[in-house]
Amino acid sequence: MAKKKAMRDKVTGRLVPVKASPKHAAVASVGAVEFRQGVSAVLSRVEYGGERVAVTRHGKPVAVVVPLEDLEVLEAMEDALDLKEAKKALAEARKRGTVPWEQVKKELGL
């Protein structure tokens, strides 16, 4: 049995599964009309085949349908980046100081 891979969410601490899926070097694409007529087939390709499918309109990609696991990994990465930026902002505030909210409101005429 293959060992499942996981990534720890830096904010919540929960494990987020990382699906060992086919190489995604090329993203499949379907036109909007084809997508609308065959949405069930596209969802099956994504859910069971692990594919990423771009939906195009007039030849230009407008949306992408991705496996849920891909979204979870993306969200975990975004959370980690947000946490890093928040820590950086807090450190800067400690170093440079802050302005009281009442003073900000007064300066803005609120």
C-alpha atoms as a PDB file:
ATOM      1  CA  MET A   1       0.000   0.000   0.000  1.00  0.00           C
ATOM      2  CA  ALA A   2       1.385   3.380  -1.004  1.00  0.00           C
ATOM      3  CA  LYS A   3       1.979   5.867   1.773  1.00  0.00           C
ATOM      4  CA  LYS A   4      -0.192   8.981   1.453  1.00  0.00           C
ATOM      5  CA  LYS A   5       1.619  12.304   1.441  1.00  0.00           C
ATOM      6  CA  ALA A   6       0.430  15.211   3.542  1.00  0.00           C
ATOM      7  CA  MET A   7       1.427  18.787   4.236  1.00  0.00           C
ATOM      8  CA  ARG A   8       0.860  20.490   7.609  1.00  0.00           C
ATOM      9  CA  ASP A   9      -1.238  23.659   7.452  1.00  0.00           C
ATOM     10  CA  LYS A  10       0.874  26.330   9.161  1.00  0.00           C
ATOM     11  CA  VAL A  11      -2.167  28.135  10.594  1.00  0.00           C
ATOM     12  CA  THR A  12      -4.466  25.350  11.779  1.00  0.00           C
ATOM     13  CA  GLY A  13      -1.817  22.676  12.233  1.00  0.00           C
ATOM     14  CA  ARG A  14      -4.017  20.118  10.488  1.00  0.00           C
ATOM     15  CA  LEU A  15      -2.633  17.757   7.895  1.00  0.00           C
ATOM     16  CA  VAL A  16      -3.722  18.499   4.346  1.00  0.00           C
ATOM     17  CA  PRO A  17      -3.504  15.559   1.942  1.00  0.00           C
ATOM     18  CA  VAL A  18      -1.252  15.915  -1.065  1.00  0.00           C
ATOM     19  CA  LYS A  19      -2.515  13.693  -3.829  1.00  0.00           C
ATOM     20  CA  ALA A  20       0.045  11.849  -5.887  1.00  0.00           C
ATOM     21  CA  SER A  21      -1.599  12.621  -9.186  1.00  0.00           C
ATOM     22  CA  PRO A  22      -0.556  12.463 -12.823  1.00  0.00           C
ATOM     23  CA  LYS A  23       1.887  15.050 -14.047  1.00  0.00           C
ATOM     24  CA  HIS A  24       0.085  18.298 -14.694  1.00  0.00           C
ATOM     25  CA  ALA A  25       2.556  19.789 -17.144  1.00  0.00           C
ATOM     26  CA  ALA A  26      -0.247  20.136 -19.667  1.00  0.00           C
ATOM     27  CA  VAL A  27      -3.692  21.260 -18.559  1.00  0.00           C
ATOM     28  CA  ALA A  28      -6.542  19.872 -20.637  1.00  0.00           C
ATOM     29  CA  SER A  29      -8.935  22.467 -21.988  1.00  0.00           C
ATOM     30  CA  VAL A  30     -12.541  22.495 -23.135  1.00  0.00           C
ATOM     31  CA  GLY A  31     -14.617  25.226 -24.684  1.00  0.00           C
ATOM     32  CA  ALA A  32     -17.425  26.783 -22.658  1.00  0.00           C
ATOM     33  CA  VAL A  33     -20.104  25.182 -24.846  1.00  0.00           C
ATOM     34  CA  GLU A  34     -18.474  21.753 -24.564  1.00  0.00           C
ATOM     35  CA  PHE A  35     -18.113  22.242 -20.802  1.00  0.00           C
ATOM     36  CA  ARG A  36     -21.775  23.187 -20.404  1.00  0.00           C
ATOM     37  CA  GLN A  37     -22.898  20.177 -22.445  1.00  0.00           C
ATOM     38  CA  GLY A  38     -20.535  17.740 -20.740  1.00  0.00           C
ATOM     39  CA  VAL A  39     -20.006  19.096 -17.245  1.00  0.00           C
ATOM     40  CA  SER A  40     -20.514  15.658 -15.708  1.00  0.00           C
ATOM     41  CA  ALA A  41     -17.766  14.160 -17.875  1.00  0.00           C
ATOM     42  CA  VAL A  42     -15.389  17.007 -17.035  1.00  0.00           C
ATOM     43  CA  LEU A  43     -16.068  16.577 -13.316  1.00  0.00           C
ATOM     44  CA  SER A  44     -15.366  12.856 -13.616  1.00  0.00           C
ATOM     45  CA  ARG A  45     -12.044  13.557 -15.362  1.00  0.00           C
ATOM     46  CA  VAL A  46     -11.114  15.883 -12.513  1.00  0.00           C
ATOM     47  CA  GLU A  47     -12.420  13.764  -9.636  1.00  0.00           C
ATOM     48  CA  TYR A  48     -11.300  10.330 -10.768  1.00  0.00           C
ATOM     49  CA  GLY A  49      -8.470  11.117 -13.156  1.00  0.00           C
ATOM     50  CA  GLY A  50      -6.891  13.923 -11.154  1.00  0.00           C
ATOM     51  CA  GLU A  51      -6.882  16.136 -14.252  1.00  0.00           C
ATOM     52  CA  ARG A  52      -6.925  19.907 -14.302  1.00  0.00           C
ATOM     53  CA  VAL A  53      -9.288  21.200 -16.970  1.00  0.00           C
ATOM     54  CA  ALA A  54      -9.265  24.776 -18.244  1.00  0.00           C
ATOM     55  CA  VAL A  55     -12.551  26.141 -19.550  1.00  0.00           C
ATOM     56  CA  THR A  56     -12.067  28.506 -22.456  1.00  0.00           C
ATOM     57  CA  ARG A  57     -14.234  31.167 -24.048  1.00  0.00           C
ATOM     58  CA  HIS A  58     -13.258  32.308 -27.526  1.00  0.00           C
ATOM     59  CA  GLY A  59     -10.008  30.367 -27.135  1.00  0.00           C
ATOM     60  CA  LYS A  60      -8.960  32.123 -23.913  1.00  0.00           C
ATOM     61  CA  PRO A  61      -8.920  30.345 -20.534  1.00  0.00           C
ATOM     62  CA  VAL A  62     -11.504  31.827 -18.152  1.00  0.00           C
ATOM     63  CA  ALA A  63     -11.648  29.196 -15.393  1.00  0.00           C
ATOM     64  CA  VAL A  64     -10.018  25.976 -14.287  1.00  0.00           C
ATOM     65  CA  VAL A  65     -11.630  22.943 -12.670  1.00  0.00           C
ATOM     66  CA  VAL A  66      -9.121  21.253 -10.357  1.00  0.00           C
ATOM     67  CA  PRO A  67      -9.226  18.305  -7.951  1.00  0.00           C
ATOM     68  CA  LEU A  68     -10.176  19.217  -4.389  1.00  0.00           C
ATOM     69  CA  GLU A  69      -6.746  18.081  -3.216  1.00  0.00           C
ATOM     70  CA  ASP A  70      -5.124  20.723  -5.438  1.00  0.00           C
ATOM     71  CA  LEU A  71      -7.310  23.410  -3.882  1.00  0.00           C
ATOM     72  CA  GLU A  72      -6.427  22.244  -0.367  1.00  0.00           C
ATOM     73  CA  VAL A  73      -2.713  22.425  -1.155  1.00  0.00           C
ATOM     74  CA  LEU A  74      -3.121  25.871  -2.723  1.00  0.00           C
ATOM     75  CA  GLU A  75      -5.040  27.128   0.312  1.00  0.00           C
ATOM     76  CA  ALA A  76      -2.401  25.719   2.685  1.00  0.00           C
ATOM     77  CA  MET A  77       0.300  27.519   0.686  1.00  0.00           C
ATOM     78  CA  GLU A  78      -1.685  30.769   0.778  1.00  0.00           C
ATOM     79  CA  ASP A  79      -2.210  30.379   4.537  1.00  0.00           C
ATOM     80  CA  ALA A  80       1.531  29.876   5.039  1.00  0.00           C
ATOM     81  CA  LEU A  81       2.321  33.004   2.987  1.00  0.00           C
ATOM     82  CA  ASP A  82      -0.311  35.030   4.860  1.00  0.00           C
ATOM     83  CA  LEU A  83       1.109  33.901   8.192  1.00  0.00           C
ATOM     84  CA  LYS A  84       4.632  34.840   7.113  1.00  0.00           C
ATOM     85  CA  GLU A  85       3.460  38.312   6.009  1.00  0.00           C
ATOM     86  CA  ALA A  86       1.469  38.819   9.232  1.00  0.00           C
ATOM     87  CA  LYS A  87       4.498  37.930  11.355  1.00  0.00           C
ATOM     88  CA  LYS A  88       6.612  40.328   9.297  1.00  0.00           C
ATOM     89  CA  ALA A  89       4.057  43.130   9.748  1.00  0.00           C
ATOM     90  CA  LEU A  90       3.858  42.522  13.506  1.00  0.00           C
ATOM     91  CA  ALA A  91       7.640  42.609  13.808  1.00  0.00           C
ATOM     92  CA  GLU A  92       7.734  45.889  11.880  1.00  0.00           C
ATOM     93  CA  ALA A  93       4.996  47.353  14.095  1.00  0.00           C
ATOM     94  CA  ARG A  94       6.953  46.371  17.214  1.00  0.00           C
ATOM     95  CA  LYS A  95      10.094  47.955  15.773  1.00  0.00           C
ATOM     96  CA  ARG A  96       8.586  51.167  14.385  1.00  0.00           C
ATOM     97  CA  GLY A  97       5.638  51.558  16.733  1.00  0.00           C
ATOM     98  CA  THR A  98       1.979  52.070  15.954  1.00  0.00           C
ATOM     99  CA  VAL A  99      -0.470  54.961  15.768  1.00  0.00           C
ATOM    100  CA  PRO A 100      -3.512  54.858  18.094  1.00  0.00           C
ATOM    101  CA  TRP A 101      -6.837  54.382  16.285  1.00  0.00           C
ATOM    102  CA  GLU A 102      -8.276  57.573  17.808  1.00  0.00           C
ATOM    103  CA  GLN A 103      -5.404  59.572  16.325  1.00  0.00           C
ATOM    104  CA  VAL A 104      -5.930  58.018  12.890  1.00  0.00           C
ATOM    105  CA  LYS A 105      -9.659  58.869  13.002  1.00  0.00           C
ATOM    106  CA  LYS A 106      -8.873  62.436  14.078  1.00  0.00           C
ATOM    107  CA  GLU A 107      -6.331  62.902  11.261  1.00  0.00           C
ATOM    108  CA  LEU A 108      -8.847  61.566   8.735  1.00  0.00           C
ATOM    109  CA  GLY A 109     -11.670  63.691  10.120  1.00  0.00           C
ATOM    110  CA  LEU A 110     -13.781  60.738  11.145  1.00  0.00           C
END
